[in-house]
Amino acid sequence: MSNNEIKFEIKEKIAVINQNQSGWKKELNIVSWNDGAAKYDIREWNEEHTHMSRGLTLTENKMKNLVKALEERGLSIDKRKKNREMER
């Protein structure tokens, strides 16, 4: 691996947030970057997941803080729905 090469592994695909006209998708995934600890990651990817845009990476603790802030604004996550989806 050269100094400029970025290594990544998508550990879990959680959601597609949006898809633009060119086919790139903004996704929420759990990604390990350069063999590091896996983190929540929001960014756009091409269809083959070979190219990506700049994005936002959050540790589990930061993601929990984000979810809490959204819940305080009235945007709650229905845990029952999440559990049903995980059972599939």
N, C-alpha and C. Protein backbone atom coordinates (compact mmCIF):
# COMPACT_ATOMS: atom_id res chain seq x y z
N MET A 1 0.85 -1.19 0.00
CA MET A 1 0.00 0.00 0.00
C MET A 1 0.89 1.24 0.00
N SER A 2 0.70 2.14 -0.97
CA SER A 2 1.47 3.37 -1.02
C SER A 2 0.97 4.35 0.03
N ASN A 3 1.75 5.40 0.26
CA ASN A 3 1.38 6.39 1.26
C ASN A 3 0.08 7.11 0.93
N ASN A 4 -0.27 7.22 -0.35
CA ASN A 4 -1.48 7.92 -0.76
C ASN A 4 -2.70 7.03 -0.84
N GLU A 5 -2.50 5.73 -0.79
CA GLU A 5 -3.61 4.79 -0.93
C GLU A 5 -4.37 4.67 0.38
N ILE A 6 -5.68 4.72 0.27
CA ILE A 6 -6.55 4.58 1.44
C ILE A 6 -7.17 3.19 1.40
N LYS A 7 -7.03 2.47 2.49
CA LYS A 7 -7.60 1.13 2.59
C LYS A 7 -8.88 1.23 3.41
N PHE A 8 -9.93 0.57 2.94
CA PHE A 8 -11.18 0.58 3.69
C PHE A 8 -11.89 -0.75 3.54
N GLU A 9 -12.71 -1.06 4.52
CA GLU A 9 -13.55 -2.25 4.47
C GLU A 9 -14.91 -1.87 5.05
N ILE A 10 -15.95 -2.01 4.23
CA ILE A 10 -17.31 -1.77 4.72
C ILE A 10 -17.72 -3.01 5.51
N LYS A 11 -17.85 -2.84 6.81
CA LYS A 11 -18.19 -3.96 7.69
C LYS A 11 -19.69 -4.23 7.69
N GLU A 12 -20.49 -3.15 7.60
CA GLU A 12 -21.94 -3.30 7.62
C GLU A 12 -22.59 -2.14 6.87
N LYS A 13 -23.49 -2.47 5.96
CA LYS A 13 -24.28 -1.44 5.26
C LYS A 13 -25.56 -1.24 6.06
N ILE A 14 -25.78 -0.02 6.51
CA ILE A 14 -26.94 0.26 7.36
C ILE A 14 -28.08 0.86 6.56
N ALA A 15 -27.81 1.91 5.77
CA ALA A 15 -28.91 2.57 5.06
C ALA A 15 -28.39 3.39 3.89
N VAL A 16 -29.22 3.49 2.85
CA VAL A 16 -29.00 4.46 1.78
C VAL A 16 -29.84 5.67 2.15
N ILE A 17 -29.19 6.82 2.30
CA ILE A 17 -29.87 8.04 2.69
C ILE A 17 -30.46 8.75 1.47
N ASN A 18 -29.71 8.71 0.37
CA ASN A 18 -30.12 9.42 -0.83
C ASN A 18 -29.35 8.87 -2.02
N GLN A 19 -29.93 9.00 -3.21
CA GLN A 19 -29.22 8.66 -4.44
C GLN A 19 -29.35 9.83 -5.39
N ASN A 20 -28.21 10.30 -5.94
CA ASN A 20 -28.30 11.43 -6.87
C ASN A 20 -28.47 10.93 -8.31
N GLN A 21 -28.62 11.85 -9.23
CA GLN A 21 -28.91 11.49 -10.62
C GLN A 21 -27.80 10.71 -11.29
N SER A 22 -26.57 10.88 -10.82
CA SER A 22 -25.47 10.15 -11.44
C SER A 22 -25.33 8.73 -10.89
N GLY A 23 -26.17 8.37 -9.91
CA GLY A 23 -26.14 7.02 -9.37
C GLY A 23 -25.37 6.88 -8.07
N TRP A 24 -24.65 7.91 -7.69
CA TRP A 24 -23.93 7.86 -6.41
C TRP A 24 -24.94 7.87 -5.28
N LYS A 25 -24.64 7.11 -4.22
CA LYS A 25 -25.55 6.99 -3.09
C LYS A 25 -24.89 7.51 -1.82
N LYS A 26 -25.63 8.35 -1.09
CA LYS A 26 -25.18 8.75 0.24
C LYS A 26 -25.64 7.66 1.19
N GLU A 27 -24.67 7.06 1.91
CA GLU A 27 -24.96 5.89 2.73
C GLU A 27 -24.48 6.07 4.16
N LEU A 28 -25.14 5.36 5.05
CA LEU A 28 -24.68 5.20 6.42
C LEU A 28 -24.19 3.77 6.52
N ASN A 29 -22.89 3.63 6.80
CA ASN A 29 -22.27 2.32 6.91
C ASN A 29 -21.38 2.27 8.14
N ILE A 30 -20.93 1.09 8.48
CA ILE A 30 -19.87 0.94 9.46
C ILE A 30 -18.64 0.53 8.67
N VAL A 31 -17.57 1.35 8.77
CA VAL A 31 -16.40 1.19 7.92
C VAL A 31 -15.13 1.20 8.76
N SER A 32 -14.20 0.32 8.39
CA SER A 32 -12.86 0.34 8.96
C SER A 32 -11.95 1.01 7.94
N TRP A 33 -11.26 2.07 8.36
CA TRP A 33 -10.34 2.80 7.49
C TRP A 33 -8.90 2.45 7.87
N ASN A 34 -8.10 2.06 6.91
CA ASN A 34 -6.68 1.77 7.11
C ASN A 34 -6.45 0.82 8.29
N ASP A 35 -7.25 -0.24 8.31
CA ASP A 35 -7.16 -1.29 9.33
C ASP A 35 -7.46 -0.80 10.75
N GLY A 36 -8.09 0.37 10.88
CA GLY A 36 -8.43 0.90 12.19
C GLY A 36 -9.75 0.34 12.68
N ALA A 37 -10.16 0.81 13.84
CA ALA A 37 -11.44 0.39 14.43
C ALA A 37 -12.58 0.83 13.52
N ALA A 38 -13.57 -0.02 13.41
CA ALA A 38 -14.74 0.29 12.57
C ALA A 38 -15.53 1.42 13.23
N LYS A 39 -16.02 2.35 12.38
CA LYS A 39 -16.77 3.51 12.85
C LYS A 39 -17.97 3.74 11.93
N TYR A 40 -18.96 4.47 12.46
CA TYR A 40 -20.08 4.88 11.64
C TYR A 40 -19.56 5.87 10.61
N ASP A 41 -20.08 5.78 9.39
CA ASP A 41 -19.54 6.56 8.29
C ASP A 41 -20.68 7.00 7.38
N ILE A 42 -20.75 8.30 7.09
CA ILE A 42 -21.74 8.86 6.16
C ILE A 42 -20.97 9.51 5.03
N ARG A 43 -21.19 9.02 3.81
CA ARG A 43 -20.56 9.61 2.62
C ARG A 43 -21.23 9.06 1.37
N GLU A 44 -20.92 9.66 0.22
CA GLU A 44 -21.43 9.18 -1.06
C GLU A 44 -20.45 8.18 -1.66
N TRP A 45 -21.03 7.15 -2.27
CA TRP A 45 -20.25 6.08 -2.91
C TRP A 45 -20.77 5.88 -4.33
N ASN A 46 -19.85 5.48 -5.24
CA ASN A 46 -20.33 5.05 -6.54
C ASN A 46 -20.94 3.66 -6.38
N GLU A 47 -21.56 3.17 -7.43
CA GLU A 47 -22.31 1.91 -7.34
C GLU A 47 -21.43 0.73 -6.93
N GLU A 48 -20.18 0.71 -7.37
CA GLU A 48 -19.29 -0.41 -7.09
C GLU A 48 -18.54 -0.26 -5.76
N HIS A 49 -18.74 0.86 -5.08
CA HIS A 49 -18.03 1.17 -3.84
C HIS A 49 -16.51 1.20 -4.05
N THR A 50 -16.09 1.69 -5.22
CA THR A 50 -14.67 1.84 -5.50
C THR A 50 -14.21 3.30 -5.39
N HIS A 51 -15.15 4.22 -5.44
CA HIS A 51 -14.86 5.65 -5.29
C HIS A 51 -15.84 6.24 -4.29
N MET A 52 -15.34 7.22 -3.52
CA MET A 52 -16.19 7.84 -2.51
C MET A 52 -15.90 9.33 -2.43
N SER A 53 -16.87 10.04 -1.84
CA SER A 53 -16.68 11.47 -1.59
C SER A 53 -16.09 11.65 -0.19
N ARG A 54 -15.81 12.88 0.15
CA ARG A 54 -15.46 13.16 1.54
C ARG A 54 -16.70 12.88 2.37
N GLY A 55 -16.48 12.51 3.60
CA GLY A 55 -17.61 12.15 4.43
C GLY A 55 -17.40 12.48 5.88
N LEU A 56 -18.25 11.92 6.69
CA LEU A 56 -18.25 12.13 8.13
C LEU A 56 -18.13 10.77 8.81
N THR A 57 -17.14 10.63 9.68
CA THR A 57 -16.93 9.39 10.40
C THR A 57 -17.13 9.65 11.88
N LEU A 58 -17.92 8.78 12.53
CA LEU A 58 -18.25 8.96 13.95
C LEU A 58 -17.98 7.69 14.74
N THR A 59 -17.38 7.84 15.90
CA THR A 59 -17.24 6.70 16.81
C THR A 59 -18.63 6.34 17.33
N GLU A 60 -18.75 5.20 17.98
CA GLU A 60 -20.04 4.79 18.53
C GLU A 60 -20.55 5.82 19.54
N ASN A 61 -19.67 6.33 20.38
CA ASN A 61 -20.06 7.32 21.38
C ASN A 61 -20.57 8.61 20.73
N LYS A 62 -19.89 9.07 19.69
CA LYS A 62 -20.33 10.28 18.98
C LYS A 62 -21.66 10.04 18.27
N MET A 63 -21.85 8.83 17.73
CA MET A 63 -23.13 8.50 17.08
C MET A 63 -24.25 8.53 18.11
N LYS A 64 -23.99 7.99 19.31
CA LYS A 64 -25.00 8.02 20.37
C LYS A 64 -25.35 9.46 20.74
N ASN A 65 -24.34 10.33 20.80
CA ASN A 65 -24.60 11.74 21.09
C ASN A 65 -25.45 12.38 20.00
N LEU A 66 -25.17 12.03 18.75
CA LEU A 66 -25.95 12.56 17.62
C LEU A 66 -27.40 12.08 17.71
N VAL A 67 -27.60 10.80 17.97
CA VAL A 67 -28.96 10.25 18.09
C VAL A 67 -29.70 10.94 19.23
N LYS A 68 -29.02 11.14 20.35
CA LYS A 68 -29.63 11.81 21.49
C LYS A 68 -30.04 13.23 21.13
N ALA A 69 -29.18 13.96 20.43
CA ALA A 69 -29.51 15.32 20.01
C ALA A 69 -30.71 15.34 19.08
N LEU A 70 -30.80 14.38 18.17
CA LEU A 70 -31.94 14.30 17.26
C LEU A 70 -33.22 13.97 18.02
N GLU A 71 -33.11 13.08 18.98
CA GLU A 71 -34.28 12.72 19.80
C GLU A 71 -34.77 13.94 20.58
N GLU A 72 -33.85 14.75 21.08
CA GLU A 72 -34.22 15.97 21.80
C GLU A 72 -34.95 16.97 20.90
N ARG A 73 -34.73 16.88 19.61
CA ARG A 73 -35.42 17.74 18.63
C ARG A 73 -36.71 17.10 18.13
N GLY A 74 -37.06 15.96 18.70
CA GLY A 74 -38.30 15.30 18.32
C GLY A 74 -38.16 14.28 17.21
N LEU A 75 -36.95 13.99 16.79
CA LEU A 75 -36.70 12.99 15.73
C LEU A 75 -36.26 11.71 16.41
N SER A 76 -37.22 10.90 16.82
CA SER A 76 -36.89 9.69 17.56
C SER A 76 -36.72 8.50 16.63
N ILE A 77 -36.01 7.51 17.13
CA ILE A 77 -35.82 6.26 16.41
C ILE A 77 -36.70 5.22 17.07
N ASP A 78 -37.55 4.60 16.27
CA ASP A 78 -38.45 3.56 16.78
C ASP A 78 -37.65 2.27 16.93
N LYS A 79 -37.28 1.94 18.16
CA LYS A 79 -36.44 0.76 18.41
C LYS A 79 -37.16 -0.52 18.05
N ARG A 80 -38.49 -0.53 18.16
CA ARG A 80 -39.21 -1.75 17.78
C ARG A 80 -39.04 -2.02 16.30
N LYS A 81 -39.11 -0.98 15.47
CA LYS A 81 -38.92 -1.14 14.04
C LYS A 81 -37.50 -1.62 13.76
N LYS A 82 -36.51 -1.02 14.45
CA LYS A 82 -35.13 -1.42 14.27
C LYS A 82 -34.94 -2.89 14.63
N ASN A 83 -35.53 -3.33 15.72
CA ASN A 83 -35.41 -4.74 16.14
C ASN A 83 -36.04 -5.67 15.12
N ARG A 84 -37.19 -5.30 14.56
CA ARG A 84 -37.85 -6.13 13.55
C ARG A 84 -36.96 -6.27 12.32
N GLU A 85 -36.32 -5.16 11.92
CA GLU A 85 -35.46 -5.20 10.73
C GLU A 85 -34.24 -6.07 11.00
N MET A 86 -33.72 -6.05 12.22
CA MET A 86 -32.55 -6.86 12.55
C MET A 86 -32.87 -8.34 12.56
N GLU A 87 -34.12 -8.68 12.82
CA GLU A 87 -34.53 -10.09 12.86
C GLU A 87 -34.63 -10.70 11.48
N ARG A 88 -34.73 -9.90 10.45
CA ARG A 88 -34.87 -10.40 9.08
C ARG A 88 -33.63 -11.06 8.58
